[in-house]
Protein backbone atom coordinates (compact mmCIF):
# COMPACT_ATOMS: atom_id res chain seq x y z
CA UNK A 1 62.90 103.14 35.85
CA UNK A 2 61.61 99.55 35.67
CA UNK A 3 60.45 99.75 39.29
CA UNK A 4 58.47 102.95 38.65
CA UNK A 5 56.99 101.89 35.30
CA UNK A 6 56.02 98.34 36.28
CA UNK A 7 55.49 98.64 40.02
CA UNK A 8 57.80 95.64 40.43
CA UNK A 9 61.38 95.31 41.58
CA UNK A 10 63.60 95.09 38.49
CA UNK A 11 64.85 91.56 39.21
CA UNK A 12 61.29 90.22 39.50
CA UNK A 13 60.21 92.04 36.35
CA UNK A 14 63.15 90.77 34.28
CA UNK A 15 62.63 87.21 35.52
CA UNK A 16 58.93 87.37 34.62
CA UNK A 17 59.22 89.10 31.23
CA UNK A 18 62.56 87.87 29.87
CA UNK A 19 64.13 84.92 31.67
CA UNK A 20 61.05 82.70 32.07
CA UNK A 21 59.46 83.30 28.63
CA UNK A 22 62.75 82.45 26.90
CA UNK A 23 63.51 79.58 29.31
CA UNK A 24 66.92 81.04 30.18
CA UNK A 25 67.65 78.50 32.91
CA UNK A 26 71.36 79.33 33.12
CA UNK A 27 70.86 83.07 33.54
CA UNK A 28 70.36 84.28 37.08
CA UNK A 29 70.97 87.01 39.63
CA UNK A 30 74.00 86.02 41.69
CA UNK A 31 73.61 85.27 45.36
CA UNK A 32 75.22 87.68 47.83
CA UNK A 33 78.20 85.41 48.54
CA UNK A 34 78.83 85.02 44.82
CA UNK A 35 79.13 88.75 44.18
CA UNK A 36 82.42 89.90 45.63
CA UNK A 37 85.00 87.40 44.36
CA UNK A 38 83.76 87.46 40.75
CA UNK A 39 82.75 91.09 40.43
CA UNK A 40 79.00 90.49 39.97
CA UNK A 41 78.06 93.64 41.88
CA UNK A 42 76.65 95.61 38.98
CA UNK A 43 72.89 95.34 39.67
CA UNK A 44 70.58 96.05 36.76
CA UNK A 45 73.40 97.39 34.57
CA UNK A 46 75.11 94.03 34.18
CA UNK A 47 74.58 91.97 37.29
CA UNK A 48 73.08 88.89 35.61
CA UNK A 49 75.19 85.78 35.25
CA UNK A 50 74.60 83.95 31.98
CA UNK A 51 76.03 81.53 29.45
CA UNK A 52 76.79 82.10 25.75
CA UNK A 53 73.95 79.70 24.87
CA UNK A 54 71.44 81.69 26.93
CA UNK A 55 72.72 84.97 25.47
CA UNK A 56 72.22 83.60 21.95
CA UNK A 57 68.70 82.54 22.94
CA UNK A 58 68.08 86.08 24.23
CA UNK A 59 69.21 87.65 20.93
CA UNK A 60 67.04 85.24 18.97
CA UNK A 61 64.04 85.92 21.21
CA UNK A 62 64.50 89.67 20.97
CA UNK A 63 64.64 89.70 17.18
CA UNK A 64 62.06 86.99 16.41
CA UNK A 65 59.28 88.77 18.29
CA UNK A 66 59.06 86.65 21.44
CA UNK A 67 60.10 89.52 23.74
CA UNK A 68 58.90 92.63 21.92
CA UNK A 69 56.33 93.25 19.22
CA UNK A 70 57.74 93.95 15.75
CA UNK A 71 57.05 97.68 15.96
CA UNK A 72 59.14 97.93 19.15
CA UNK A 73 62.08 96.07 17.60
CA UNK A 74 61.86 98.34 14.53
CA UNK A 75 61.88 101.40 16.79
CA UNK A 76 64.84 100.06 18.76
CA UNK A 77 66.86 99.47 15.61
CA UNK A 78 65.46 102.29 13.47
CA UNK A 79 66.04 105.35 15.63
CA UNK A 80 69.84 105.28 15.84
CA UNK A 81 72.81 107.57 16.29
CA UNK A 82 76.14 107.29 14.49
CA UNK A 83 78.74 106.15 17.04
CA UNK A 84 81.28 104.70 14.60
CA UNK A 85 84.89 105.19 15.60
CA UNK A 86 84.00 106.35 19.12
CA UNK A 87 84.51 104.49 22.37
CA UNK A 88 84.29 100.73 21.63
CA UNK A 89 82.42 101.04 18.33
CA UNK A 90 84.06 100.32 14.96
CA UNK A 91 83.49 102.70 12.05
CA UNK A 92 79.99 102.43 10.59
CA UNK A 93 78.39 101.50 13.94
CA UNK A 94 75.08 102.98 15.01
CA UNK A 95 73.46 102.91 18.47
CA UNK A 96 69.73 102.45 19.02
CA UNK A 97 67.79 101.83 22.21
CA UNK A 98 70.15 99.55 24.11
CA UNK A 99 71.68 97.83 21.08
CA UNK A 100 74.30 98.77 18.51
CA UNK A 101 74.50 97.96 14.82
CA UNK A 102 78.02 96.80 13.96
CA UNK A 103 79.00 96.33 10.28
CA UNK A 104 80.12 92.84 9.22
CA UNK A 105 83.08 92.33 6.89
CA UNK A 106 80.93 89.99 4.77
CA UNK A 107 78.14 92.53 4.34
CA UNK A 108 75.21 93.55 6.45
CA UNK A 109 75.51 94.10 10.16
CA UNK A 110 74.69 92.59 13.50
CA UNK A 111 72.72 94.13 16.33
CA UNK A 112 74.21 93.46 19.71
CA UNK A 113 75.82 94.68 22.85
CA UNK A 114 79.06 93.94 24.60
CA UNK A 115 79.91 93.98 28.24
CA UNK A 116 82.92 94.08 30.46
CA UNK A 117 83.40 93.27 34.11
CA UNK A 118 86.69 92.95 35.93
CA UNK A 119 88.34 89.86 34.45
CA UNK A 120 86.07 89.16 31.47
CA UNK A 121 84.44 90.59 28.38
CA UNK A 122 81.63 89.51 26.08
CA UNK A 123 80.43 90.61 22.65
CA UNK A 124 77.84 89.36 20.22
CA UNK A 125 74.37 89.70 18.89
CA UNK A 126 72.02 88.95 16.01
CA UNK A 127 73.00 89.31 12.33
CA UNK A 128 70.60 91.09 10.00
CA UNK A 129 71.54 88.92 7.03
CA UNK A 130 70.19 85.60 8.30
CA UNK A 131 73.55 84.57 9.70
CA UNK A 132 72.12 83.84 13.14
CA UNK A 133 73.35 84.83 16.58
CA UNK A 134 76.74 84.62 18.24
CA UNK A 135 78.24 85.29 21.64
CA UNK A 136 81.98 85.42 22.24
CA UNK A 137 83.07 85.36 25.87
CA UNK A 138 86.62 85.92 27.09
CA UNK A 139 88.11 85.32 30.49
CA UNK A 140 90.28 88.39 30.07
CA UNK A 141 89.30 92.03 30.08
CA UNK A 142 89.05 93.11 26.42
CA UNK A 143 87.51 96.58 26.53
CA UNK A 144 90.17 98.46 24.60
CA UNK A 145 93.09 98.29 22.20
CA UNK A 146 94.15 95.09 20.47
CA UNK A 147 92.11 92.88 22.80
CA UNK A 148 88.92 94.71 21.88
CA UNK A 149 89.73 94.50 18.18
CA UNK A 150 90.38 90.74 18.52
CA UNK A 151 87.09 90.23 20.38
CA UNK A 152 85.17 92.16 17.72
CA UNK A 153 87.01 90.24 14.97
CA UNK A 154 85.99 86.93 16.58
CA UNK A 155 82.31 87.97 16.49
CA UNK A 156 82.68 89.06 12.87
CA UNK A 157 84.42 85.81 11.89
CA UNK A 158 81.79 83.65 13.57
CA UNK A 159 78.86 85.46 11.95
CA UNK A 160 80.51 85.68 8.52
CA UNK A 161 81.35 81.96 8.58
CA UNK A 162 77.66 81.03 9.03
CA UNK A 163 75.73 80.42 5.83
């Protein structure tokens, strides 16, 4: 879709419109030799390699207007579907355009997105209550069961501790 809409290859477009403007120096497309042993073969659906610091910078940039105008962020977070209790989403979660709203135990919610590749999982995002951004990265697969609940609890604890 990016290729058709922009006329550019998706990697080039993402580098130009996201990575460079936010100065995400530790986020990159893996080289061919780097792909197989670590499982970075997921292309535009998760093929970027990043750090928690860069992911936090991304969340901040998305929600402070550096990546999208305010109306686009409002549309992304305003037109949502109830997904609570389904798949990986806790009760009360809503899904917008590429991001989910996850309730926080301390009130409010955070907008974010998780990801799982063989051998690791990540979760985090931007809190709506001025609690900042957080990224929790595990070196184990945590896409279901108790591991998923622990990963989600770690995000909640980190955001609820900030004040």
